[in-house]
Amino acid sequence: MDNVVDRHVFYISDGTAITAEVLGHAVMSQFPVTISSITLPFVENESRARAVKDQIDAIYQQTGVRPLVFYSIVLPEIRAIILQSEGFCPGYRPGAGGAASAGDETGSDADRSSYSWA
C-alpha cells in the first residue's frame, strides 16, 4: 500500500491547539483516508493569521483539493482571516441548535464567518 496523502488537515488555534486536534482526530478517524496534518498553535495576531491563511491557500494551489481546517479560535478578527482561506472550515453555527454545518465541499461555504468551534 502506498502512502498517498488523501487530505491535508490543519489544526489551528489562538491557544495550544489541543482542542482543535482532539476534535479533528475524532472526525478524521471516521474515514479511511491518509492525512498530512499541520498543527499551528498560538495564532494570536493578524500577521500570523495571514501567514497561516497563505499556507492553507498554497496547499490548495499545489493539490487542487481544499485542506480541512479544524480550529479553536476565540478572537473574531483572527477567525475571520482563517475563514477567508481556501480551506474547508467545518464548524457549528450559533443558533442552529448545535447541529453540525459542513458547508459545500466544492464551492464557497454559505456565511462562513458565522462558523465557530469556540
N, C-alpha and C. Protein backbone atom coordinates (compact mmCIF):
# COMPACT_ATOMS: atom_id res chain seq x y z
N MET A 1 0.85 -1.19 0.00
CA MET A 1 0.00 0.00 0.00
C MET A 1 0.89 1.24 0.00
N ASP A 2 0.62 2.16 -0.91
CA ASP A 2 1.43 3.37 -0.95
C ASP A 2 0.91 4.41 0.02
N ASN A 3 1.76 5.36 0.36
CA ASN A 3 1.40 6.39 1.33
C ASN A 3 0.96 7.67 0.64
N VAL A 4 -0.03 7.58 -0.20
CA VAL A 4 -0.56 8.75 -0.88
C VAL A 4 -1.40 9.53 0.12
N VAL A 5 -1.15 10.83 0.21
CA VAL A 5 -1.92 11.68 1.11
C VAL A 5 -3.24 12.02 0.44
N ASP A 6 -4.34 11.62 1.10
CA ASP A 6 -5.66 11.94 0.58
C ASP A 6 -6.06 13.38 0.91
N ARG A 7 -5.72 13.83 2.12
CA ARG A 7 -6.11 15.18 2.55
C ARG A 7 -5.04 15.79 3.43
N HIS A 8 -4.90 17.10 3.29
CA HIS A 8 -4.09 17.88 4.23
C HIS A 8 -5.06 18.42 5.27
N VAL A 9 -4.67 18.33 6.53
CA VAL A 9 -5.54 18.76 7.62
C VAL A 9 -4.76 19.73 8.51
N PHE A 10 -5.36 20.90 8.75
CA PHE A 10 -4.79 21.90 9.63
C PHE A 10 -5.55 21.92 10.95
N TYR A 11 -4.82 22.01 12.05
CA TYR A 11 -5.38 22.22 13.38
C TYR A 11 -4.84 23.56 13.85
N ILE A 12 -5.73 24.54 14.00
CA ILE A 12 -5.31 25.92 14.24
C ILE A 12 -5.99 26.46 15.49
N SER A 13 -5.23 27.22 16.28
CA SER A 13 -5.79 27.80 17.49
C SER A 13 -5.05 29.07 17.89
N ASP A 14 -5.76 29.92 18.62
CA ASP A 14 -5.10 31.07 19.24
C ASP A 14 -4.60 30.69 20.63
N GLY A 15 -4.73 29.40 20.97
CA GLY A 15 -4.18 28.82 22.20
C GLY A 15 -3.26 27.67 21.83
N THR A 16 -3.38 26.57 22.56
CA THR A 16 -2.47 25.43 22.37
C THR A 16 -2.80 24.55 21.18
N ALA A 17 -4.00 24.62 20.65
CA ALA A 17 -4.49 23.81 19.53
C ALA A 17 -4.88 22.40 19.95
N ILE A 18 -4.85 22.10 21.23
CA ILE A 18 -5.22 20.76 21.69
C ILE A 18 -6.68 20.46 21.37
N THR A 19 -7.57 21.41 21.60
CA THR A 19 -8.99 21.20 21.31
C THR A 19 -9.21 20.94 19.83
N ALA A 20 -8.59 21.73 18.98
CA ALA A 20 -8.74 21.54 17.54
C ALA A 20 -8.21 20.17 17.11
N GLU A 21 -7.08 19.76 17.69
CA GLU A 21 -6.51 18.46 17.36
C GLU A 21 -7.42 17.31 17.80
N VAL A 22 -7.92 17.37 19.01
CA VAL A 22 -8.78 16.29 19.52
C VAL A 22 -10.03 16.18 18.66
N LEU A 23 -10.66 17.30 18.37
CA LEU A 23 -11.86 17.29 17.54
C LEU A 23 -11.54 16.77 16.14
N GLY A 24 -10.49 17.30 15.54
CA GLY A 24 -10.11 16.88 14.20
C GLY A 24 -9.76 15.41 14.11
N HIS A 25 -9.01 14.92 15.10
CA HIS A 25 -8.65 13.49 15.10
C HIS A 25 -9.90 12.62 15.25
N ALA A 26 -10.84 13.06 16.08
CA ALA A 26 -12.07 12.30 16.25
C ALA A 26 -12.85 12.22 14.94
N VAL A 27 -12.93 13.33 14.24
CA VAL A 27 -13.65 13.35 12.96
C VAL A 27 -12.90 12.52 11.92
N MET A 28 -11.61 12.74 11.79
CA MET A 28 -10.84 12.08 10.73
C MET A 28 -10.73 10.57 10.94
N SER A 29 -10.84 10.11 12.19
CA SER A 29 -10.77 8.67 12.45
C SER A 29 -11.96 7.92 11.87
N GLN A 30 -12.98 8.64 11.47
CA GLN A 30 -14.18 8.02 10.90
C GLN A 30 -14.04 7.70 9.42
N PHE A 31 -12.95 8.14 8.80
CA PHE A 31 -12.79 8.00 7.35
C PHE A 31 -11.50 7.27 7.00
N PRO A 32 -11.54 6.42 5.99
CA PRO A 32 -10.35 5.67 5.59
C PRO A 32 -9.45 6.49 4.65
N VAL A 33 -8.87 7.55 5.18
CA VAL A 33 -8.01 8.41 4.37
C VAL A 33 -6.65 8.55 5.04
N THR A 34 -5.67 8.84 4.24
CA THR A 34 -4.33 9.15 4.74
C THR A 34 -4.23 10.66 4.78
N ILE A 35 -3.81 11.19 5.94
CA ILE A 35 -3.74 12.65 6.06
C ILE A 35 -2.31 13.11 6.33
N SER A 36 -2.08 14.34 5.96
CA SER A 36 -0.87 15.05 6.35
C SER A 36 -1.35 16.17 7.27
N SER A 37 -1.00 16.09 8.55
CA SER A 37 -1.54 17.06 9.50
C SER A 37 -0.51 18.14 9.84
N ILE A 38 -1.04 19.34 10.02
CA ILE A 38 -0.23 20.51 10.35
C ILE A 38 -0.91 21.20 11.53
N THR A 39 -0.22 21.26 12.67
CA THR A 39 -0.76 21.90 13.86
C THR A 39 -0.11 23.27 14.02
N LEU A 40 -0.95 24.29 14.15
CA LEU A 40 -0.47 25.67 14.27
C LEU A 40 -1.09 26.32 15.51
N PRO A 41 -0.42 26.22 16.66
CA PRO A 41 -0.93 26.85 17.88
C PRO A 41 -0.52 28.32 17.96
N PHE A 42 -1.15 29.03 18.88
CA PHE A 42 -0.80 30.41 19.21
C PHE A 42 -0.83 31.36 18.02
N VAL A 43 -1.86 31.23 17.21
CA VAL A 43 -2.09 32.18 16.11
C VAL A 43 -2.87 33.33 16.75
N GLU A 44 -2.12 34.29 17.29
CA GLU A 44 -2.70 35.32 18.15
C GLU A 44 -2.74 36.72 17.57
N ASN A 45 -2.22 36.89 16.36
CA ASN A 45 -2.28 38.23 15.77
C ASN A 45 -2.59 38.12 14.28
N GLU A 46 -2.98 39.24 13.71
CA GLU A 46 -3.43 39.24 12.31
C GLU A 46 -2.30 38.88 11.34
N SER A 47 -1.10 39.28 11.64
CA SER A 47 0.04 38.95 10.78
C SER A 47 0.24 37.44 10.71
N ARG A 48 0.22 36.80 11.86
CA ARG A 48 0.38 35.33 11.90
C ARG A 48 -0.81 34.66 11.23
N ALA A 49 -2.02 35.18 11.43
CA ALA A 49 -3.21 34.61 10.80
C ALA A 49 -3.12 34.69 9.28
N ARG A 50 -2.63 35.81 8.77
CA ARG A 50 -2.47 35.94 7.31
C ARG A 50 -1.43 34.95 6.78
N ALA A 51 -0.36 34.73 7.54
CA ALA A 51 0.66 33.75 7.13
C ALA A 51 0.06 32.34 7.11
N VAL A 52 -0.78 32.02 8.08
CA VAL A 52 -1.45 30.71 8.12
C VAL A 52 -2.41 30.59 6.95
N LYS A 53 -3.17 31.65 6.67
CA LYS A 53 -4.08 31.65 5.52
C LYS A 53 -3.30 31.39 4.24
N ASP A 54 -2.16 32.04 4.09
CA ASP A 54 -1.33 31.85 2.90
C ASP A 54 -0.84 30.40 2.80
N GLN A 55 -0.51 29.79 3.93
CA GLN A 55 -0.06 28.40 3.95
C GLN A 55 -1.19 27.46 3.51
N ILE A 56 -2.39 27.71 3.99
CA ILE A 56 -3.56 26.91 3.59
C ILE A 56 -3.81 27.07 2.09
N ASP A 57 -3.79 28.32 1.64
CA ASP A 57 -4.04 28.61 0.22
C ASP A 57 -2.98 27.96 -0.68
N ALA A 58 -1.73 27.93 -0.21
CA ALA A 58 -0.64 27.32 -1.00
C ALA A 58 -0.87 25.82 -1.18
N ILE A 59 -1.32 25.15 -0.13
CA ILE A 59 -1.62 23.71 -0.23
C ILE A 59 -2.73 23.50 -1.25
N TYR A 60 -3.75 24.34 -1.21
CA TYR A 60 -4.85 24.22 -2.18
C TYR A 60 -4.33 24.43 -3.60
N GLN A 61 -3.49 25.43 -3.80
CA GLN A 61 -2.94 25.70 -5.13
C GLN A 61 -2.10 24.53 -5.63
N GLN A 62 -1.35 23.89 -4.73
CA GLN A 62 -0.49 22.77 -5.11
C GLN A 62 -1.27 21.50 -5.43
N THR A 63 -2.34 21.26 -4.67
CA THR A 63 -3.05 19.97 -4.77
C THR A 63 -4.37 20.04 -5.52
N GLY A 64 -4.99 21.23 -5.54
CA GLY A 64 -6.32 21.35 -6.13
C GLY A 64 -7.42 20.81 -5.23
N VAL A 65 -7.05 20.43 -4.00
CA VAL A 65 -8.01 19.91 -3.02
C VAL A 65 -7.98 20.82 -1.80
N ARG A 66 -9.17 21.26 -1.39
CA ARG A 66 -9.23 22.15 -0.23
C ARG A 66 -8.78 21.43 1.03
N PRO A 67 -7.78 21.96 1.73
CA PRO A 67 -7.38 21.36 3.00
C PRO A 67 -8.52 21.48 4.02
N LEU A 68 -8.60 20.51 4.91
CA LEU A 68 -9.55 20.60 6.01
C LEU A 68 -8.93 21.44 7.11
N VAL A 69 -9.74 22.30 7.72
CA VAL A 69 -9.24 23.19 8.77
C VAL A 69 -10.12 23.04 10.00
N PHE A 70 -9.55 22.48 11.05
CA PHE A 70 -10.23 22.41 12.35
C PHE A 70 -9.61 23.50 13.20
N TYR A 71 -10.46 24.32 13.80
CA TYR A 71 -9.93 25.47 14.52
C TYR A 71 -10.63 25.67 15.84
N SER A 72 -9.91 26.26 16.76
CA SER A 72 -10.43 26.70 18.04
C SER A 72 -9.87 28.10 18.24
N ILE A 73 -10.63 29.08 17.75
CA ILE A 73 -10.14 30.46 17.75
C ILE A 73 -11.19 31.36 18.40
N VAL A 74 -10.80 31.96 19.50
CA VAL A 74 -11.70 32.84 20.25
C VAL A 74 -11.74 34.24 19.64
N LEU A 75 -10.60 34.72 19.18
CA LEU A 75 -10.50 36.09 18.67
C LEU A 75 -11.19 36.20 17.31
N PRO A 76 -12.28 36.99 17.22
CA PRO A 76 -13.06 37.04 15.97
C PRO A 76 -12.27 37.56 14.77
N GLU A 77 -11.35 38.49 14.98
CA GLU A 77 -10.59 39.03 13.85
C GLU A 77 -9.62 37.98 13.29
N ILE A 78 -9.11 37.13 14.14
CA ILE A 78 -8.21 36.05 13.70
C ILE A 78 -9.02 34.98 12.98
N ARG A 79 -10.15 34.61 13.57
CA ARG A 79 -11.04 33.61 12.96
C ARG A 79 -11.48 34.06 11.57
N ALA A 80 -11.80 35.33 11.41
CA ALA A 80 -12.27 35.85 10.12
C ALA A 80 -11.21 35.68 9.03
N ILE A 81 -9.96 35.90 9.38
CA ILE A 81 -8.88 35.74 8.40
C ILE A 81 -8.75 34.28 7.98
N ILE A 82 -8.78 33.37 8.93
CA ILE A 82 -8.67 31.94 8.62
C ILE A 82 -9.85 31.49 7.76
N LEU A 83 -11.04 31.99 8.06
CA LEU A 83 -12.23 31.59 7.30
C LEU A 83 -12.22 32.13 5.87
N GLN A 84 -11.36 33.09 5.58
CA GLN A 84 -11.23 33.60 4.21
C GLN A 84 -10.29 32.74 3.37
N SER A 85 -9.69 31.74 3.98
CA SER A 85 -8.75 30.88 3.25
C SER A 85 -9.50 29.94 2.32
N GLU A 86 -8.73 29.23 1.51
CA GLU A 86 -9.29 28.22 0.61
C GLU A 86 -9.54 26.90 1.33
N GLY A 87 -9.30 26.87 2.63
CA GLY A 87 -9.54 25.65 3.40
C GLY A 87 -11.01 25.40 3.62
N PHE A 88 -11.34 24.13 3.82
CA PHE A 88 -12.71 23.75 4.17
C PHE A 88 -12.79 23.78 5.69
N CYS A 89 -13.56 24.73 6.22
CA CYS A 89 -13.60 25.01 7.65
C CYS A 89 -14.95 24.61 8.24
N PRO A 90 -15.15 23.32 8.53
CA PRO A 90 -16.43 22.93 9.12
C PRO A 90 -16.55 23.52 10.51
N GLY A 91 -17.77 23.78 10.94
CA GLY A 91 -17.96 24.35 12.26
C GLY A 91 -19.39 24.24 12.70
N TYR A 92 -19.66 24.83 13.82
CA TYR A 92 -21.01 24.88 14.35
C TYR A 92 -21.56 26.27 14.14
N ARG A 93 -22.81 26.33 13.72
CA ARG A 93 -23.46 27.63 13.54
C ARG A 93 -24.16 28.01 14.83
N PRO A 94 -23.84 29.18 15.36
CA PRO A 94 -24.57 29.65 16.54
C PRO A 94 -26.05 29.75 16.21
N GLY A 95 -26.88 29.32 17.13
CA GLY A 95 -28.32 29.42 16.92
C GLY A 95 -28.90 28.28 16.10
N ALA A 96 -28.07 27.31 15.71
CA ALA A 96 -28.58 26.20 14.90
C ALA A 96 -28.84 24.98 15.78
N GLY A 97 -28.98 25.19 17.07
CA GLY A 97 -29.26 24.08 17.97
C GLY A 97 -28.09 23.13 18.12
N GLY A 98 -26.88 23.61 17.82
CA GLY A 98 -25.70 22.78 17.96
C GLY A 98 -25.49 21.81 16.82
N ALA A 99 -26.32 21.89 15.80
CA ALA A 99 -26.18 20.97 14.67
C ALA A 99 -24.93 21.30 13.88
N ALA A 100 -24.25 20.28 13.42
CA ALA A 100 -23.05 20.49 12.62
C ALA A 100 -23.43 21.07 11.27
N SER A 101 -22.60 21.95 10.78
CA SER A 101 -22.81 22.54 9.47
C SER A 101 -21.53 22.41 8.68
N ALA A 102 -21.56 21.62 7.62
CA ALA A 102 -20.33 21.35 6.90
C ALA A 102 -20.11 22.24 5.69
N GLY A 103 -21.11 22.97 5.24
CA GLY A 103 -20.92 23.81 4.07
C GLY A 103 -20.82 22.98 2.81
N ASP A 104 -20.29 23.55 1.76
CA ASP A 104 -20.19 22.90 0.46
C ASP A 104 -18.74 22.55 0.19
N GLU A 105 -18.46 21.28 -0.02
CA GLU A 105 -17.09 20.80 -0.20
C GLU A 105 -16.41 21.40 -1.42
N THR A 106 -17.15 21.67 -2.48
CA THR A 106 -16.52 22.13 -3.71
C THR A 106 -16.65 23.62 -3.95
N GLY A 107 -17.65 24.25 -3.40
CA GLY A 107 -17.86 25.66 -3.64
C GLY A 107 -17.62 26.47 -2.39
N SER A 108 -18.14 27.68 -2.39
CA SER A 108 -17.96 28.52 -1.22
C SER A 108 -18.95 28.12 -0.14
N ASP A 109 -18.56 28.30 1.10
CA ASP A 109 -19.44 27.99 2.21
C ASP A 109 -20.36 29.17 2.46
N ALA A 110 -21.63 28.88 2.70
CA ALA A 110 -22.59 29.93 2.99
C ALA A 110 -22.29 30.52 4.36
N ASP A 111 -22.14 31.82 4.40
CA ASP A 111 -21.94 32.55 5.65
C ASP A 111 -20.85 31.93 6.52
N ARG A 112 -19.66 31.73 5.96
CA ARG A 112 -18.56 31.10 6.67
C ARG A 112 -18.15 31.87 7.91
N SER A 113 -18.41 33.16 7.95
CA SER A 113 -17.98 33.95 9.10
C SER A 113 -18.74 33.60 10.37
N SER A 114 -19.87 32.90 10.26
CA SER A 114 -20.63 32.56 11.46
C SER A 114 -20.20 31.23 12.05
N TYR A 115 -19.26 30.53 11.44
CA TYR A 115 -18.82 29.24 11.95
C TYR A 115 -17.86 29.45 13.12
N SER A 116 -17.96 28.60 14.11
CA SER A 116 -17.05 28.72 15.24
C SER A 116 -17.03 27.44 16.05
N TRP A 117 -15.87 27.02 16.47
CA TRP A 117 -15.78 25.92 17.43
C TRP A 117 -15.79 26.49 18.83
N ALA A 118 -15.45 27.76 18.99
CA ALA A 118 -15.33 28.36 20.31
C ALA A 118 -16.66 28.78 20.85
